[in-house]
Protein backbone atom coordinates (compact mmCIF):
# COMPACT_ATOMS: atom_id res chain seq x y z
CA MET A 1 77.59 92.60 108.35
CA THR A 2 78.00 93.84 111.92
CA SER A 3 81.62 92.84 112.43
CA TYR A 4 84.76 92.23 110.40
CA THR A 5 87.59 89.88 111.33
CA SER A 6 91.02 90.85 110.05
CA PRO A 7 92.58 88.11 107.92
CA PHE A 8 96.01 89.34 109.08
CA THR A 9 95.72 89.58 112.87
CA GLY A 10 92.38 88.02 113.73
CA LYS A 11 91.21 91.29 115.36
CA VAL A 12 87.45 91.70 115.31
CA TYR A 13 86.17 95.15 114.38
CA GLU A 14 82.62 96.20 115.17
CA ILE A 15 80.94 97.90 112.21
CA VAL A 16 78.48 100.73 112.93
CA PRO A 17 76.70 102.22 109.89
CA ASN A 18 75.90 105.92 109.81
CA MET A 19 73.76 107.66 107.18
CA ILE A 20 75.25 110.96 106.02
CA TRP A 21 74.46 113.34 103.18
CA ARG A 22 76.32 115.72 100.94
CA GLN A 23 75.07 118.48 98.70
CA ALA A 24 74.65 117.41 95.07
CA TRP A 25 73.06 118.84 91.93
CA ASP A 26 70.97 117.23 89.22
CA GLU A 27 71.26 117.80 85.44
CA GLN A 28 69.12 120.95 85.66
CA GLY A 29 71.27 122.45 88.43
CA ASN A 30 68.77 121.79 91.22
CA ALA A 31 70.34 121.09 94.59
CA TYR A 32 69.45 117.95 96.52
CA LYS A 33 70.81 115.87 99.39
CA ARG A 34 72.76 112.80 98.25
CA TRP A 35 72.70 110.13 100.95
CA TYR A 36 75.57 107.74 101.71
CA THR A 37 76.17 105.04 104.28
CA GLN A 38 79.44 105.51 106.14
CA TYR A 39 80.65 102.37 107.90
CA ASN A 40 82.61 103.13 111.08
CA PHE A 41 85.00 100.47 112.38
CA PHE A 42 85.54 100.21 116.12
CA HIS A 43 88.09 98.17 118.03
CA SER A 44 88.20 98.11 121.85
CA GLY A 45 85.55 100.84 121.94
CA LYS A 46 87.50 103.31 119.76
CA ARG A 47 86.79 104.25 116.16
CA VAL A 48 89.85 103.26 114.14
CA THR A 49 88.70 103.86 110.56
CA TRP A 50 85.71 104.22 108.25
CA THR A 51 84.74 103.40 104.68
CA TYR A 52 81.82 103.68 102.26
CA THR A 53 81.86 100.02 101.21
CA LEU A 54 81.74 96.58 102.77
CA ASP A 55 83.29 94.83 99.75
CA GLU A 56 85.68 92.27 101.27
CA ASN A 57 88.43 92.90 98.71
CA VAL A 58 88.41 96.60 99.55
CA LEU A 59 88.23 95.91 103.30
CA ASP A 60 91.17 93.49 103.21
CA GLY A 61 93.36 96.14 101.59
CA HIS A 62 92.07 98.93 103.83
CA ILE A 63 92.54 96.98 107.07
CA GLY A 64 95.86 95.65 105.76
CA GLU A 65 97.12 99.24 105.49
CA LEU A 66 95.68 100.13 108.90
CA GLU A 67 97.44 97.19 110.57
CA GLY A 68 100.71 97.78 108.73
CA HIS A 69 100.67 94.76 106.42
CA TYR A 70 100.50 96.84 103.24
CA ALA A 71 102.22 100.13 102.47
CA PRO A 72 99.82 103.02 101.87
CA TRP A 73 99.27 103.85 98.20
CA THR A 74 101.48 106.75 97.14
CA THR A 75 102.55 108.49 93.98
CA SER A 76 105.71 110.23 93.00
CA PRO A 77 106.69 112.43 90.07
CA ARG A 78 108.65 109.46 88.71
CA ASP A 79 105.69 107.04 88.44
């Protein structure tokens, strides 16, 4: 997938993958680099968001929040 079209606005976002790593440890306590793919979303040449997955259900919710169609997930002490 190199682009994503918003189901809400029809905007097309260019997806640029980027390999990154974070420090992790195995069961014996040995350090190693854990690699991830970070997907950067660009619109009109500007990065607008990023995610670690290209699952369409996740993207629809994520882009829906970005474009203002869904309220961001929040918690309160009364939940």
